[in-house]
């Protein structure tokens, strides 16, 4: 019984780790907090080119629209955060 419980606990821990996503685009995430609209650069950790397109805010959160260049295509993503929070 203890063995079964240990296995179930381990599976739960492993599956939780898989479902938790961490954005590794460090250069881009830092730019979101400090650079103006129109800023473009290359993320050091992924090599992706990105451009901060626009910013919007309300009393609850700050959001930034970012164009990210992938091989042969562009992806537009919105990143938002609450005051003092992390970009998501």
N, C-alpha and C. Protein backbone atom coordinates (compact mmCIF):
# COMPACT_ATOMS: atom_id res chain seq x y z
N UNK A 1 0.82 -1.20 0.00
CA UNK A 1 0.00 0.00 0.00
C UNK A 1 0.87 1.26 0.00
N UNK A 2 1.94 1.25 0.83
CA UNK A 2 2.82 2.41 0.87
C UNK A 2 3.47 2.63 -0.49
N UNK A 3 3.82 1.53 -1.15
CA UNK A 3 4.46 1.62 -2.46
C UNK A 3 3.51 2.26 -3.48
N UNK A 4 2.25 1.85 -3.45
CA UNK A 4 1.26 2.40 -4.35
C UNK A 4 1.05 3.89 -4.09
N UNK A 5 0.97 4.27 -2.83
CA UNK A 5 0.80 5.67 -2.46
C UNK A 5 2.01 6.49 -2.90
N UNK A 6 3.20 5.96 -2.72
CA UNK A 6 4.42 6.66 -3.15
C UNK A 6 4.43 6.85 -4.66
N UNK A 7 4.03 5.82 -5.39
CA UNK A 7 3.99 5.91 -6.85
C UNK A 7 2.96 6.94 -7.30
N UNK A 8 1.82 6.95 -6.67
CA UNK A 8 0.77 7.91 -7.04
C UNK A 8 1.23 9.34 -6.74
N UNK A 9 1.88 9.53 -5.60
CA UNK A 9 2.38 10.85 -5.24
C UNK A 9 3.43 11.32 -6.24
N UNK A 10 4.33 10.42 -6.62
CA UNK A 10 5.38 10.77 -7.57
C UNK A 10 4.77 11.13 -8.93
N UNK A 11 3.78 10.38 -9.38
CA UNK A 11 3.12 10.69 -10.65
C UNK A 11 2.47 12.06 -10.60
N UNK A 12 1.86 12.38 -9.49
CA UNK A 12 1.22 13.69 -9.32
C UNK A 12 2.25 14.81 -9.38
N UNK A 13 3.36 14.63 -8.70
CA UNK A 13 4.42 15.64 -8.71
C UNK A 13 4.97 15.82 -10.12
N UNK A 14 5.24 14.74 -10.81
CA UNK A 14 5.79 14.81 -12.16
C UNK A 14 4.80 15.47 -13.11
N UNK A 15 3.53 15.10 -13.03
CA UNK A 15 2.55 15.68 -13.95
C UNK A 15 2.34 17.17 -13.67
N UNK A 16 2.42 17.58 -12.42
CA UNK A 16 2.30 19.00 -12.12
C UNK A 16 3.47 19.77 -12.71
N UNK A 17 4.64 19.18 -12.67
CA UNK A 17 5.82 19.82 -13.25
C UNK A 17 5.69 19.98 -14.75
N UNK A 18 5.08 19.03 -15.40
CA UNK A 18 4.92 19.10 -16.85
C UNK A 18 3.93 20.19 -17.23
N UNK A 19 2.88 20.36 -16.45
CA UNK A 19 1.84 21.32 -16.78
C UNK A 19 2.23 22.76 -16.45
N UNK A 20 3.25 22.96 -15.65
CA UNK A 20 3.68 24.30 -15.29
C UNK A 20 4.62 24.80 -16.36
N UNK A 21 4.24 25.88 -17.04
CA UNK A 21 5.10 26.40 -18.10
C UNK A 21 5.80 27.67 -17.62
N UNK A 22 7.06 27.76 -17.95
CA UNK A 22 7.87 28.91 -17.60
C UNK A 22 8.38 29.52 -18.89
N UNK A 23 8.10 30.79 -19.10
CA UNK A 23 8.57 31.44 -20.31
C UNK A 23 10.06 31.71 -20.17
N UNK A 24 10.84 31.25 -21.14
CA UNK A 24 12.29 31.39 -21.07
C UNK A 24 12.83 32.56 -21.88
N UNK A 25 11.94 33.39 -22.40
CA UNK A 25 12.38 34.52 -23.23
C UNK A 25 12.77 35.69 -22.34
N UNK A 26 13.92 35.57 -21.68
CA UNK A 26 14.35 36.53 -20.67
C UNK A 26 14.51 37.95 -21.21
N UNK A 27 15.19 38.10 -22.34
CA UNK A 27 15.42 39.43 -22.90
C UNK A 27 14.10 40.12 -23.23
N UNK A 28 13.18 39.37 -23.81
CA UNK A 28 11.89 39.94 -24.17
C UNK A 28 11.11 40.32 -22.91
N UNK A 29 11.07 39.45 -21.92
CA UNK A 29 10.32 39.74 -20.70
C UNK A 29 10.88 40.96 -19.98
N UNK A 30 12.20 41.13 -19.99
CA UNK A 30 12.80 42.32 -19.38
C UNK A 30 12.42 43.57 -20.17
N UNK A 31 12.40 43.45 -21.49
CA UNK A 31 12.04 44.59 -22.34
C UNK A 31 10.59 45.01 -22.11
N UNK A 32 9.70 44.07 -21.85
CA UNK A 32 8.30 44.40 -21.62
C UNK A 32 8.15 45.35 -20.44
N UNK A 33 9.02 45.23 -19.46
CA UNK A 33 8.95 46.07 -18.27
C UNK A 33 9.66 47.40 -18.42
N UNK A 34 10.49 47.55 -19.45
CA UNK A 34 11.33 48.75 -19.48
C UNK A 34 11.41 49.50 -20.81
N UNK A 35 10.95 48.91 -21.89
CA UNK A 35 11.14 49.54 -23.21
C UNK A 35 9.82 50.06 -23.78
N UNK A 36 9.90 51.10 -24.61
CA UNK A 36 8.69 51.71 -25.19
C UNK A 36 8.14 50.90 -26.36
N UNK A 37 6.91 51.24 -26.76
CA UNK A 37 6.33 50.66 -27.98
C UNK A 37 7.27 50.94 -29.15
N UNK A 38 7.39 49.99 -30.05
CA UNK A 38 8.28 50.13 -31.20
C UNK A 38 9.65 49.52 -30.98
N UNK A 39 9.97 49.19 -29.72
CA UNK A 39 11.27 48.60 -29.42
C UNK A 39 11.36 47.21 -30.04
N UNK A 40 12.50 46.90 -30.65
CA UNK A 40 12.71 45.56 -31.20
C UNK A 40 14.11 45.09 -30.85
N UNK A 41 14.24 43.78 -30.73
CA UNK A 41 15.52 43.17 -30.36
C UNK A 41 15.46 41.68 -30.67
N UNK A 42 16.51 40.99 -30.28
CA UNK A 42 16.57 39.53 -30.40
C UNK A 42 16.72 38.98 -29.00
N UNK A 43 15.90 37.99 -28.65
CA UNK A 43 15.99 37.39 -27.33
C UNK A 43 17.25 36.54 -27.25
N UNK A 44 18.08 36.78 -26.24
CA UNK A 44 19.34 36.05 -26.10
C UNK A 44 19.16 34.56 -25.84
N UNK A 45 18.09 34.18 -25.16
CA UNK A 45 17.93 32.78 -24.80
C UNK A 45 17.29 31.93 -25.90
N UNK A 46 16.50 32.55 -26.79
CA UNK A 46 15.81 31.77 -27.83
C UNK A 46 16.25 32.13 -29.25
N UNK A 47 16.86 33.29 -29.43
CA UNK A 47 17.24 33.75 -30.76
C UNK A 47 16.09 34.33 -31.56
N UNK A 48 14.91 34.44 -30.94
CA UNK A 48 13.74 34.99 -31.64
C UNK A 48 13.82 36.51 -31.72
N UNK A 49 13.47 37.05 -32.88
CA UNK A 49 13.34 38.50 -33.03
C UNK A 49 11.96 38.88 -32.53
N UNK A 50 11.88 39.99 -31.81
CA UNK A 50 10.58 40.45 -31.32
C UNK A 50 10.48 41.96 -31.41
N UNK A 51 9.24 42.44 -31.47
CA UNK A 51 8.97 43.88 -31.49
C UNK A 51 7.76 44.15 -30.59
N UNK A 52 7.90 45.12 -29.69
CA UNK A 52 6.78 45.53 -28.84
C UNK A 52 5.91 46.47 -29.68
N UNK A 53 4.69 46.04 -29.96
CA UNK A 53 3.81 46.76 -30.88
C UNK A 53 3.00 47.83 -30.16
N UNK A 54 2.35 47.47 -29.04
CA UNK A 54 1.51 48.44 -28.35
C UNK A 54 1.34 48.06 -26.89
N UNK A 55 0.80 49.02 -26.14
CA UNK A 55 0.59 48.85 -24.70
C UNK A 55 -0.83 49.29 -24.36
N UNK A 56 -1.47 48.56 -23.47
CA UNK A 56 -2.76 48.99 -22.93
C UNK A 56 -2.77 48.70 -21.44
N UNK A 57 -3.55 49.47 -20.71
CA UNK A 57 -3.59 49.30 -19.26
C UNK A 57 -4.96 49.67 -18.73
N UNK A 58 -5.30 49.05 -17.62
CA UNK A 58 -6.48 49.45 -16.87
C UNK A 58 -6.11 49.41 -15.39
N UNK A 59 -7.07 49.52 -14.51
CA UNK A 59 -6.76 49.57 -13.08
C UNK A 59 -6.25 48.24 -12.54
N UNK A 60 -6.45 47.14 -13.28
CA UNK A 60 -6.05 45.83 -12.79
C UNK A 60 -4.74 45.31 -13.38
N UNK A 61 -4.47 45.65 -14.65
CA UNK A 61 -3.29 45.06 -15.28
C UNK A 61 -2.75 45.90 -16.44
N UNK A 62 -1.51 45.56 -16.78
CA UNK A 62 -0.80 46.17 -17.90
C UNK A 62 -0.60 45.09 -18.95
N UNK A 63 -0.91 45.38 -20.20
CA UNK A 63 -0.77 44.40 -21.28
C UNK A 63 0.07 44.98 -22.40
N UNK A 64 0.88 44.14 -23.03
CA UNK A 64 1.71 44.55 -24.17
C UNK A 64 1.52 43.56 -25.30
N UNK A 65 1.33 44.09 -26.49
CA UNK A 65 1.19 43.28 -27.70
C UNK A 65 2.57 43.18 -28.34
N UNK A 66 3.01 41.94 -28.60
CA UNK A 66 4.37 41.70 -29.10
C UNK A 66 4.31 40.85 -30.36
N UNK A 67 5.04 41.26 -31.39
CA UNK A 67 5.18 40.48 -32.61
C UNK A 67 6.50 39.71 -32.50
N UNK A 68 6.42 38.40 -32.66
CA UNK A 68 7.59 37.53 -32.54
C UNK A 68 7.82 36.84 -33.87
N UNK A 69 9.04 36.96 -34.38
CA UNK A 69 9.37 36.36 -35.67
C UNK A 69 9.89 34.94 -35.48
N UNK A 70 9.18 34.01 -36.12
CA UNK A 70 9.60 32.62 -36.17
C UNK A 70 10.03 32.35 -37.60
N UNK A 71 10.59 31.20 -37.85
CA UNK A 71 11.01 30.86 -39.20
C UNK A 71 9.82 30.93 -40.16
N UNK A 72 9.88 31.84 -41.13
CA UNK A 72 8.86 32.02 -42.18
C UNK A 72 7.49 32.47 -41.70
N UNK A 73 7.39 33.01 -40.49
CA UNK A 73 6.09 33.49 -40.01
C UNK A 73 6.26 34.42 -38.82
N UNK A 74 5.23 35.20 -38.55
CA UNK A 74 5.18 36.06 -37.39
C UNK A 74 4.05 35.59 -36.48
N UNK A 75 4.28 35.66 -35.20
CA UNK A 75 3.25 35.33 -34.22
C UNK A 75 3.05 36.57 -33.36
N UNK A 76 1.81 36.92 -33.12
CA UNK A 76 1.51 38.06 -32.27
C UNK A 76 0.95 37.51 -30.96
N UNK A 77 1.58 37.92 -29.85
CA UNK A 77 1.16 37.45 -28.53
C UNK A 77 0.90 38.65 -27.64
N UNK A 78 -0.03 38.50 -26.72
CA UNK A 78 -0.30 39.52 -25.71
C UNK A 78 0.23 39.03 -24.38
N UNK A 79 1.02 39.86 -23.72
CA UNK A 79 1.55 39.55 -22.40
C UNK A 79 0.96 40.54 -21.42
N UNK A 80 0.45 40.04 -20.30
CA UNK A 80 -0.16 40.91 -19.29
C UNK A 80 0.41 40.59 -17.92
N UNK A 81 0.33 41.58 -17.03
CA UNK A 81 0.71 41.35 -15.65
C UNK A 81 -0.03 42.31 -14.74
N UNK A 82 -0.28 41.84 -13.54
CA UNK A 82 -0.85 42.70 -12.51
C UNK A 82 0.31 43.48 -11.88
N UNK A 83 0.01 44.57 -11.24
CA UNK A 83 1.04 45.38 -10.60
C UNK A 83 1.88 44.51 -9.67
N UNK A 84 3.19 44.52 -9.89
CA UNK A 84 4.10 43.74 -9.07
C UNK A 84 4.17 42.27 -9.45
N UNK A 85 3.39 41.86 -10.45
CA UNK A 85 3.36 40.45 -10.85
C UNK A 85 4.32 40.12 -11.96
N UNK A 86 4.17 38.94 -12.52
CA UNK A 86 5.01 38.47 -13.60
C UNK A 86 4.25 38.53 -14.91
N UNK A 87 4.98 38.68 -16.01
CA UNK A 87 4.37 38.67 -17.33
C UNK A 87 3.87 37.28 -17.65
N UNK A 88 2.66 37.20 -18.18
CA UNK A 88 2.07 35.91 -18.58
C UNK A 88 1.40 36.09 -19.92
